[in-house]
Amino acid sequence: SHIDIFIIPDFVSLTTTIAQLKSSSVAIWTGAQDCH
């Protein structure tokens, strides 16, 4: 409850990963590997 967890997949996998992580009872951040 006092830490932040994040996963940074490739761009194509981002939305799929975000959808999967919504099932977690713990908030897990999804990150991107880069941007413009």
PDB file of all heavy atoms in Angstrom:
ATOM      1  N   SER A   1       0.800  -1.229   0.000  1.00  0.00           N
ATOM      2  CA  SER A   1       0.000   0.000   0.000  1.00  0.00           C
ATOM      3  C   SER A   1       0.832   1.278   0.000  1.00  0.00           C
ATOM      4  O   SER A   1       0.303   2.356  -0.272  1.00  0.00           O
ATOM      5  CB  SER A   1      -0.947   0.011   1.203  1.00  0.00           C
ATOM      6  OG  SER A   1      -0.204  -0.035   2.421  1.00  0.00           O
ATOM      7  N   HIS A   2       2.138   1.179   0.287  1.00  0.00           N
ATOM      8  CA  HIS A   2       2.961   2.387   0.385  1.00  0.00           C
ATOM      9  C   HIS A   2       4.022   2.463  -0.709  1.00  0.00           C
ATOM     10  O   HIS A   2       4.956   3.264  -0.608  1.00  0.00           O
ATOM     11  CB  HIS A   2       3.628   2.472   1.758  1.00  0.00           C
ATOM     12  CG  HIS A   2       2.652   2.550   2.883  1.00  0.00           C
ATOM     13  ND1 HIS A   2       1.795   3.622   3.045  1.00  0.00           N
ATOM     14  CD2 HIS A   2       2.371   1.684   3.891  1.00  0.00           C
ATOM     15  CE1 HIS A   2       1.045   3.414   4.113  1.00  0.00           C
ATOM     16  NE2 HIS A   2       1.365   2.253   4.646  1.00  0.00           N
ATOM     17  N   ILE A   3       3.915   1.632  -1.729  1.00  0.00           N
ATOM     18  CA  ILE A   3       4.870   1.689  -2.829  1.00  0.00           C
ATOM     19  C   ILE A   3       4.117   1.794  -4.155  1.00  0.00           C
ATOM     20  O   ILE A   3       2.922   1.496  -4.237  1.00  0.00           O
ATOM     21  CB  ILE A   3       5.808   0.459  -2.860  1.00  0.00           C
ATOM     22  CG1 ILE A   3       5.031  -0.828  -3.168  1.00  0.00           C
ATOM     23  CG2 ILE A   3       6.583   0.324  -1.558  1.00  0.00           C
ATOM     24  CD1 ILE A   3       5.929  -2.010  -3.484  1.00  0.00           C
ATOM     25  N   ASP A   4       4.815   2.247  -5.176  1.00  0.00           N
ATOM     26  CA  ASP A   4       4.266   2.312  -6.528  1.00  0.00           C
ATOM     27  C   ASP A   4       4.975   1.278  -7.394  1.00  0.00           C
ATOM     28  O   ASP A   4       6.205   1.165  -7.363  1.00  0.00           O
ATOM     29  CB  ASP A   4       4.465   3.710  -7.130  1.00  0.00           C
ATOM     30  CG  ASP A   4       3.671   4.769  -6.385  1.00  0.00           C
ATOM     31  OD1 ASP A   4       2.481   4.525  -6.127  1.00  0.00           O
ATOM     32  OD2 ASP A   4       4.240   5.826  -6.055  1.00  0.00           O
ATOM     33  N   ILE A   5       4.194   0.555  -8.156  1.00  0.00           N
ATOM     34  CA  ILE A   5       4.707  -0.489  -9.047  1.00  0.00           C
ATOM     35  C   ILE A   5       4.386  -0.078 -10.469  1.00  0.00           C
ATOM     36  O   ILE A   5       3.282   0.388 -10.748  1.00  0.00           O
ATOM     37  CB  ILE A   5       4.040  -1.844  -8.738  1.00  0.00           C
ATOM     38  CG1 ILE A   5       4.232  -2.225  -7.271  1.00  0.00           C
ATOM     39  CG2 ILE A   5       4.595  -2.935  -9.661  1.00  0.00           C
ATOM     40  CD1 ILE A   5       3.334  -3.364  -6.826  1.00  0.00           C
ATOM     41  N   PHE A   6       5.335  -0.238 -11.365  1.00  0.00           N
ATOM     42  CA  PHE A   6       5.063   0.111 -12.752  1.00  0.00           C
ATOM     43  C   PHE A   6       5.643  -0.930 -13.708  1.00  0.00           C
ATOM     44  O   PHE A   6       6.625  -1.598 -13.408  1.00  0.00           O
ATOM     45  CB  PHE A   6       5.601   1.505 -13.099  1.00  0.00           C
ATOM     46  CG  PHE A   6       7.090   1.673 -12.936  1.00  0.00           C
ATOM     47  CD1 PHE A   6       7.965   1.349 -13.958  1.00  0.00           C
ATOM     48  CD2 PHE A   6       7.622   2.182 -11.755  1.00  0.00           C
ATOM     49  CE1 PHE A   6       9.336   1.517 -13.818  1.00  0.00           C
ATOM     50  CE2 PHE A   6       8.987   2.357 -11.597  1.00  0.00           C
ATOM     51  CZ  PHE A   6       9.850   2.017 -12.632  1.00  0.00           C
ATOM     52  N   ILE A   7       4.993  -1.045 -14.863  1.00  0.00           N
ATOM     53  CA  ILE A   7       5.454  -1.900 -15.960  1.00  0.00           C
ATOM     54  C   ILE A   7       5.520  -1.037 -17.211  1.00  0.00           C
ATOM     55  O   ILE A   7       4.609  -0.249 -17.475  1.00  0.00           O
ATOM     56  CB  ILE A   7       4.498  -3.090 -16.193  1.00  0.00           C
ATOM     57  CG1 ILE A   7       4.458  -4.000 -14.966  1.00  0.00           C
ATOM     58  CG2 ILE A   7       4.908  -3.875 -17.430  1.00  0.00           C
ATOM     59  CD1 ILE A   7       3.481  -5.148 -15.102  1.00  0.00           C
ATOM     60  N   ILE A   8       6.591  -1.192 -17.983  1.00  0.00           N
ATOM     61  CA  ILE A   8       6.761  -0.382 -19.194  1.00  0.00           C
ATOM     62  C   ILE A   8       6.917  -1.309 -20.402  1.00  0.00           C
ATOM     63  O   ILE A   8       8.036  -1.678 -20.777  1.00  0.00           O
ATOM     64  CB  ILE A   8       7.976   0.560 -19.066  1.00  0.00           C
ATOM     65  CG1 ILE A   8       7.896   1.367 -17.766  1.00  0.00           C
ATOM     66  CG2 ILE A   8       8.049   1.493 -20.259  1.00  0.00           C
ATOM     67  CD1 ILE A   8       9.014   2.368 -17.578  1.00  0.00           C
ATOM     68  N   PRO A   9       5.811  -1.695 -21.030  1.00  0.00           N
ATOM     69  CA  PRO A   9       5.886  -2.586 -22.194  1.00  0.00           C
ATOM     70  C   PRO A   9       6.150  -1.797 -23.477  1.00  0.00           C
ATOM     71  O   PRO A   9       6.273  -0.566 -23.457  1.00  0.00           O
ATOM     72  CB  PRO A   9       4.498  -3.214 -22.216  1.00  0.00           C
ATOM     73  CG  PRO A   9       3.604  -2.120 -21.703  1.00  0.00           C
ATOM     74  CD  PRO A   9       4.426  -1.371 -20.672  1.00  0.00           C
ATOM     75  N   ASP A  10       6.227  -2.514 -24.590  1.00  0.00           N
ATOM     76  CA  ASP A  10       6.373  -1.831 -25.876  1.00  0.00           C
ATOM     77  C   ASP A  10       5.069  -1.117 -26.237  1.00  0.00           C
ATOM     78  O   ASP A  10       4.012  -1.371 -25.647  1.00  0.00           O
ATOM     79  CB  ASP A  10       6.746  -2.839 -26.975  1.00  0.00           C
ATOM     80  CG  ASP A  10       5.607  -3.796 -27.256  1.00  0.00           C
ATOM     81  OD1 ASP A  10       5.424  -4.765 -26.489  1.00  0.00           O
ATOM     82  OD2 ASP A  10       4.863  -3.555 -28.220  1.00  0.00           O
ATOM     83  N   PHE A  11       5.132  -0.233 -27.212  1.00  0.00           N
ATOM     84  CA  PHE A  11       3.967   0.584 -27.563  1.00  0.00           C
ATOM     85  C   PHE A  11       2.767  -0.260 -28.000  1.00  0.00           C
ATOM     86  O   PHE A  11       1.631   0.024 -27.617  1.00  0.00           O
ATOM     87  CB  PHE A  11       4.324   1.563 -28.690  1.00  0.00           C
ATOM     88  CG  PHE A  11       5.186   2.710 -28.240  1.00  0.00           C
ATOM     89  CD1 PHE A  11       6.422   2.940 -28.826  1.00  0.00           C
ATOM     90  CD2 PHE A  11       4.767   3.568 -27.235  1.00  0.00           C
ATOM     91  CE1 PHE A  11       7.214   3.996 -28.420  1.00  0.00           C
ATOM     92  CE2 PHE A  11       5.559   4.626 -26.821  1.00  0.00           C
ATOM     93  CZ  PHE A  11       6.792   4.841 -27.418  1.00  0.00           C
ATOM     94  N   VAL A  12       3.002  -1.288 -28.816  1.00  0.00           N
ATOM     95  CA  VAL A  12       1.892  -2.087 -29.349  1.00  0.00           C
ATOM     96  C   VAL A  12       1.141  -2.794 -28.226  1.00  0.00           C
ATOM     97  O   VAL A  12      -0.069  -2.994 -28.304  1.00  0.00           O
ATOM     98  CB  VAL A  12       2.409  -3.100 -30.402  1.00  0.00           C
ATOM     99  CG1 VAL A  12       1.274  -3.974 -30.912  1.00  0.00           C
ATOM    100  CG2 VAL A  12       3.080  -2.361 -31.568  1.00  0.00           C
ATOM    101  N   SER A  13       1.859  -3.141 -27.159  1.00  0.00           N
ATOM    102  CA  SER A  13       1.262  -3.883 -26.045  1.00  0.00           C
ATOM    103  C   SER A  13       0.620  -2.989 -24.987  1.00  0.00           C
ATOM    104  O   SER A  13       0.004  -3.502 -24.046  1.00  0.00           O
ATOM    105  CB  SER A  13       2.333  -4.754 -25.363  1.00  0.00           C
ATOM    106  OG  SER A  13       2.975  -5.601 -26.293  1.00  0.00           O
ATOM    107  N   LEU A  14       0.756  -1.700 -25.120  1.00  0.00           N
ATOM    108  CA  LEU A  14       0.339  -0.793 -24.043  1.00  0.00           C
ATOM    109  C   LEU A  14      -1.128  -0.943 -23.654  1.00  0.00           C
ATOM    110  O   LEU A  14      -1.452  -1.144 -22.474  1.00  0.00           O
ATOM    111  CB  LEU A  14       0.603   0.659 -24.443  1.00  0.00           C
ATOM    112  CG  LEU A  14       1.945   1.255 -24.020  1.00  0.00           C
ATOM    113  CD1 LEU A  14       2.130   2.636 -24.630  1.00  0.00           C
ATOM    114  CD2 LEU A  14       2.036   1.329 -22.505  1.00  0.00           C
ATOM    115  N   THR A  15      -2.034  -0.813 -24.609  1.00  0.00           N
ATOM    116  CA  THR A  15      -3.455  -0.816 -24.254  1.00  0.00           C
ATOM    117  C   THR A  15      -3.893  -2.176 -23.718  1.00  0.00           C
ATOM    118  O   THR A  15      -4.732  -2.253 -22.818  1.00  0.00           O
ATOM    119  CB  THR A  15      -4.324  -0.402 -25.448  1.00  0.00           C
ATOM    120  OG1 THR A  15      -4.015  -1.232 -26.582  1.00  0.00           O
ATOM    121  CG2 THR A  15      -4.074   1.055 -25.821  1.00  0.00           C
ATOM    122  N   THR A  16      -3.303  -3.243 -24.267  1.00  0.00           N
ATOM    123  CA  THR A  16      -3.620  -4.583 -23.758  1.00  0.00           C
ATOM    124  C   THR A  16      -3.158  -4.717 -22.310  1.00  0.00           C
ATOM    125  O   THR A  16      -3.887  -5.231 -21.453  1.00  0.00           O
ATOM    126  CB  THR A  16      -2.931  -5.659 -24.617  1.00  0.00           C
ATOM    127  OG1 THR A  16      -3.398  -5.568 -25.952  1.00  0.00           O
ATOM    128  CG2 THR A  16      -3.215  -7.049 -24.075  1.00  0.00           C
ATOM    129  N   THR A  17      -1.954  -4.240 -22.031  1.00  0.00           N
ATOM    130  CA  THR A  17      -1.411  -4.332 -20.682  1.00  0.00           C
ATOM    131  C   THR A  17      -2.238  -3.504 -19.700  1.00  0.00           C
ATOM    132  O   THR A  17      -2.537  -3.953 -18.584  1.00  0.00           O
ATOM    133  CB  THR A  17       0.055  -3.864 -20.664  1.00  0.00           C
ATOM    134  OG1 THR A  17       0.819  -4.663 -21.584  1.00  0.00           O
ATOM    135  CG2 THR A  17       0.654  -3.986 -19.281  1.00  0.00           C
ATOM    136  N   ILE A  18      -2.608  -2.300 -20.102  1.00  0.00           N
ATOM    137  CA  ILE A  18      -3.434  -1.446 -19.251  1.00  0.00           C
ATOM    138  C   ILE A  18      -4.743  -2.146 -18.911  1.00  0.00           C
ATOM    139  O   ILE A  18      -5.197  -2.128 -17.754  1.00  0.00           O
ATOM    140  CB  ILE A  18      -3.692  -0.093 -19.945  1.00  0.00           C
ATOM    141  CG1 ILE A  18      -2.404   0.736 -19.973  1.00  0.00           C
ATOM    142  CG2 ILE A  18      -4.804   0.687 -19.239  1.00  0.00           C
ATOM    143  CD1 ILE A  18      -2.470   1.956 -20.864  1.00  0.00           C
ATOM    144  N   ALA A  19      -5.364  -2.782 -19.898  1.00  0.00           N
ATOM    145  CA  ALA A  19      -6.626  -3.496 -19.668  1.00  0.00           C
ATOM    146  C   ALA A  19      -6.426  -4.656 -18.703  1.00  0.00           C
ATOM    147  O   ALA A  19      -7.250  -4.891 -17.807  1.00  0.00           O
ATOM    148  CB  ALA A  19      -7.190  -3.986 -20.991  1.00  0.00           C
ATOM    149  N   GLN A  20      -5.327  -5.394 -18.855  1.00  0.00           N
ATOM    150  CA  GLN A  20      -5.060  -6.519 -17.965  1.00  0.00           C
ATOM    151  C   GLN A  20      -4.835  -6.058 -16.526  1.00  0.00           C
ATOM    152  O   GLN A  20      -5.304  -6.692 -15.574  1.00  0.00           O
ATOM    153  CB  GLN A  20      -3.820  -7.286 -18.446  1.00  0.00           C
ATOM    154  CG  GLN A  20      -4.041  -8.131 -19.691  1.00  0.00           C
ATOM    155  CD  GLN A  20      -2.745  -8.805 -20.136  1.00  0.00           C
ATOM    156  OE1 GLN A  20      -1.952  -8.214 -20.851  1.00  0.00           O
ATOM    157  NE2 GLN A  20      -2.540 -10.025 -19.702  1.00  0.00           N
ATOM    158  N   LEU A  21      -4.115  -4.959 -16.366  1.00  0.00           N
ATOM    159  CA  LEU A  21      -3.758  -4.502 -15.030  1.00  0.00           C
ATOM    160  C   LEU A  21      -4.943  -3.959 -14.250  1.00  0.00           C
ATOM    161  O   LEU A  21      -4.881  -3.822 -13.028  1.00  0.00           O
ATOM    162  CB  LEU A  21      -2.658  -3.437 -15.118  1.00  0.00           C
ATOM    163  CG  LEU A  21      -1.296  -3.930 -15.626  1.00  0.00           C
ATOM    164  CD1 LEU A  21      -0.311  -2.775 -15.720  1.00  0.00           C
ATOM    165  CD2 LEU A  21      -0.735  -5.031 -14.729  1.00  0.00           C
ATOM    166  N   LYS A  22      -6.034  -3.664 -14.932  1.00  0.00           N
ATOM    167  CA  LYS A  22      -7.229  -3.170 -14.244  1.00  0.00           C
ATOM    168  C   LYS A  22      -7.824  -4.219 -13.312  1.00  0.00           C
ATOM    169  O   LYS A  22      -8.577  -3.890 -12.392  1.00  0.00           O
ATOM    170  CB  LYS A  22      -8.270  -2.722 -15.270  1.00  0.00           C
ATOM    171  CG  LYS A  22      -7.929  -1.392 -15.941  1.00  0.00           C
ATOM    172  CD  LYS A  22      -8.990  -0.973 -16.951  1.00  0.00           C
ATOM    173  CE  LYS A  22      -8.644   0.358 -17.596  1.00  0.00           C
ATOM    174  NZ  LYS A  22      -9.623   0.763 -18.632  1.00  0.00           N
ATOM    175  N   SER A  23      -7.479  -5.481 -13.540  1.00  0.00           N
ATOM    176  CA  SER A  23      -8.015  -6.547 -12.690  1.00  0.00           C
ATOM    177  C   SER A  23      -7.258  -6.670 -11.370  1.00  0.00           C
ATOM    178  O   SER A  23      -7.677  -7.406 -10.477  1.00  0.00           O
ATOM    179  CB  SER A  23      -7.944  -7.888 -13.424  1.00  0.00           C
ATOM    180  OG  SER A  23      -6.591  -8.291 -13.622  1.00  0.00           O
ATOM    181  N   SER A  24      -6.154  -5.955 -11.230  1.00  0.00           N
ATOM    182  CA  SER A  24      -5.334  -6.054 -10.020  1.00  0.00           C
ATOM    183  C   SER A  24      -6.007  -5.341  -8.853  1.00  0.00           C
ATOM    184  O   SER A  24      -6.600  -4.268  -9.007  1.00  0.00           O
ATOM    185  CB  SER A  24      -3.954  -5.446 -10.264  1.00  0.00           C
ATOM    186  OG  SER A  24      -3.213  -5.375  -9.068  1.00  0.00           O
ATOM    187  N   SER A  25      -5.894  -5.913  -7.682  1.00  0.00           N
ATOM    188  CA  SER A  25      -6.425  -5.279  -6.472  1.00  0.00           C
ATOM    189  C   SER A  25      -5.488  -4.169  -5.990  1.00  0.00           C
ATOM    190  O   SER A  25      -5.849  -3.385  -5.121  1.00  0.00           O
ATOM    191  CB  SER A  25      -6.608  -6.320  -5.369  1.00  0.00           C
ATOM    192  OG  SER A  25      -5.392  -6.991  -5.099  1.00  0.00           O
ATOM    193  N   VAL A  26      -4.292  -4.124  -6.553  1.00  0.00           N
ATOM    194  CA  VAL A  26      -3.313  -3.086  -6.245  1.00  0.00           C
ATOM    195  C   VAL A  26      -3.135  -2.226  -7.487  1.00  0.00           C
ATOM    196  O   VAL A  26      -3.038  -2.738  -8.599  1.00  0.00           O
ATOM    197  CB  VAL A  26      -1.947  -3.705  -5.861  1.00  0.00           C
ATOM    198  CG1 VAL A  26      -0.917  -2.617  -5.581  1.00  0.00           C
ATOM    199  CG2 VAL A  26      -2.090  -4.625  -4.672  1.00  0.00           C
ATOM    200  N   ALA A  27      -3.108  -0.911  -7.318  1.00  0.00           N
ATOM    201  CA  ALA A  27      -2.903  -0.026  -8.468  1.00  0.00           C
ATOM    202  C   ALA A  27      -1.501  -0.227  -9.036  1.00  0.00           C
ATOM    203  O   ALA A  27      -0.509  -0.148  -8.315  1.00  0.00           O
ATOM    204  CB  ALA A  27      -3.092   1.421  -8.045  1.00  0.00           C
ATOM    205  N   ILE A  28      -1.438  -0.524 -10.325  1.00  0.00           N
ATOM    206  CA  ILE A  28      -0.156  -0.704 -11.005  1.00  0.00           C
ATOM    207  C   ILE A  28      -0.102   0.260 -12.182  1.00  0.00           C
ATOM    208  O   ILE A  28      -0.998   0.275 -13.024  1.00  0.00           O
ATOM    209  CB  ILE A  28       0.019  -2.159 -11.498  1.00  0.00           C
ATOM    210  CG1 ILE A  28      -0.066  -3.126 -10.313  1.00  0.00           C
ATOM    211  CG2 ILE A  28       1.363  -2.315 -12.222  1.00  0.00           C
ATOM    212  CD1 ILE A  28      -0.131  -4.574 -10.713  1.00  0.00           C
ATOM    213  N   TRP A  29       0.941   1.065 -12.215  1.00  0.00           N
ATOM    214  CA  TRP A  29       1.088   2.034 -13.292  1.00  0.00           C
ATOM    215  C   TRP A  29       1.600   1.355 -14.560  1.00  0.00           C
ATOM    216  O   TRP A  29       2.413   0.437 -14.498  1.00  0.00           O
ATOM    217  CB  TRP A  29       2.091   3.112 -12.906  1.00  0.00           C
ATOM    218  CG  TRP A  29       1.730   3.922 -11.715  1.00  0.00           C
ATOM    219  CD1 TRP A  29       0.577   3.853 -10.984  1.00  0.00           C
ATOM    220  CD2 TRP A  29       2.539   4.932 -11.096  1.00  0.00           C
ATOM    221  NE1 TRP A  29       0.616   4.772  -9.952  1.00  0.00           N
ATOM    222  CE2 TRP A  29       1.800   5.442  -9.998  1.00  0.00           C
ATOM    223  CE3 TRP A  29       3.796   5.451 -11.367  1.00  0.00           C
ATOM    224  CZ2 TRP A  29       2.297   6.445  -9.174  1.00  0.00           C
ATOM    225  CZ3 TRP A  29       4.297   6.458 -10.550  1.00  0.00           C
ATOM    226  CH2 TRP A  29       3.551   6.946  -9.473  1.00  0.00           C
ATOM    227  N   THR A  30       1.127   1.839 -15.681  1.00  0.00           N
ATOM    228  CA  THR A  30       1.694   1.421 -16.964  1.00  0.00           C
ATOM    229  C   THR A  30       2.454   2.597 -17.555  1.00  0.00           C
ATOM    230  O   THR A  30       1.961   3.730 -17.561  1.00  0.00           O
ATOM    231  CB  THR A  30       0.603   0.976 -17.951  1.00  0.00           C
ATOM    232  OG1 THR A  30      -0.228   0.005 -17.318  1.00  0.00           O
ATOM    233  CG2 THR A  30       1.227   0.362 -19.199  1.00  0.00           C
ATOM    234  N   GLY A  31       3.664   2.331 -18.014  1.00  0.00           N
ATOM    235  CA  GLY A  31       4.484   3.372 -18.602  1.00  0.00           C
ATOM    236  C   GLY A  31       4.778   3.089 -20.061  1.00  0.00           C
ATOM    237  O   GLY A  31       4.590   1.974 -20.549  1.00  0.00           O
ATOM    238  N   ALA A  32       5.231   4.116 -20.764  1.00  0.00           N
ATOM    239  CA  ALA A  32       5.682   3.984 -22.147  1.00  0.00           C
ATOM    240  C   ALA A  32       7.191   4.171 -22.180  1.00  0.00           C
ATOM    241  O   ALA A  32       7.767   4.849 -21.326  1.00  0.00           O
ATOM    242  CB  ALA A  32       4.996   5.020 -23.036  1.00  0.00           C
ATOM    243  N   GLN A  33       7.832   3.582 -23.185  1.00  0.00           N
ATOM    244  CA  GLN A  33       9.286   3.581 -23.238  1.00  0.00           C
ATOM    245  C   GLN A  33       9.867   4.853 -23.852  1.00  0.00           C
ATOM    246  O   GLN A  33      11.085   5.063 -23.789  1.00  0.00           O
ATOM    247  CB  GLN A  33       9.779   2.366 -24.026  1.00  0.00           C
ATOM    248  CG  GLN A  33       9.469   1.051 -23.351  1.00  0.00           C
ATOM    249  CD  GLN A  33       9.962  -0.158 -24.136  1.00  0.00           C
ATOM    250  OE1 GLN A  33      10.749  -0.025 -25.071  1.00  0.00           O
ATOM    251  NE2 GLN A  33       9.491  -1.331 -23.773  1.00  0.00           N
ATOM    252  N   ASP A  34       9.025   5.690 -24.435  1.00  0.00           N
ATOM    253  CA  ASP A  34       9.508   6.904 -25.082  1.00  0.00           C
ATOM    254  C   ASP A  34       8.297   7.687 -25.566  1.00  0.00           C
ATOM    255  O   ASP A  34       7.154   7.196 -25.481  1.00  0.00           O
ATOM    256  CB  ASP A  34      10.418   6.543 -26.274  1.00  0.00           C
ATOM    257  CG  ASP A  34      11.158   7.744 -26.848  1.00  0.00           C
ATOM    258  OD1 ASP A  34      11.457   8.686 -26.088  1.00  0.00           O
ATOM    259  OD2 ASP A  34      11.429   7.745 -28.066  1.00  0.00           O
ATOM    260  N   CYS A  35       8.504   8.893 -26.078  1.00  0.00           N
ATOM    261  CA  CYS A  35       7.451   9.641 -26.749  1.00  0.00           C
ATOM    262  C   CYS A  35       8.101  10.765 -27.541  1.00  0.00           C
ATOM    263  O   CYS A  35       9.305  11.018 -27.413  1.00  0.00           O
ATOM    264  CB  CYS A  35       6.428  10.208 -25.757  1.00  0.00           C
ATOM    265  SG  CYS A  35       7.052  11.584 -24.746  1.00  0.00           S
ATOM    266  N   HIS A  36       7.312  11.460 -28.344  1.00  0.00           N
ATOM    267  CA  HIS A  36       7.801  12.636 -29.039  1.00  0.00           C
ATOM    268  C   HIS A  36       7.642  13.848 -28.130  1.00  0.00           C
ATOM    269  O   HIS A  36       6.948  13.785 -27.116  1.00  0.00           O
ATOM    270  CB  HIS A  36       7.029  12.840 -30.350  1.00  0.00           C
ATOM    271  CG  HIS A  36       7.718  13.756 -31.312  1.00  0.00           C
ATOM    272  ND1 HIS A  36       7.470  15.105 -31.356  1.00  0.00           N
ATOM    273  CD2 HIS A  36       8.664  13.519 -32.253  1.00  0.00           C
ATOM    274  CE1 HIS A  36       8.220  15.663 -32.294  1.00  0.00           C
ATOM    275  NE2 HIS A  36       8.964  14.727 -32.849  1.00  0.00           N
TER     276      HIS A  36
END
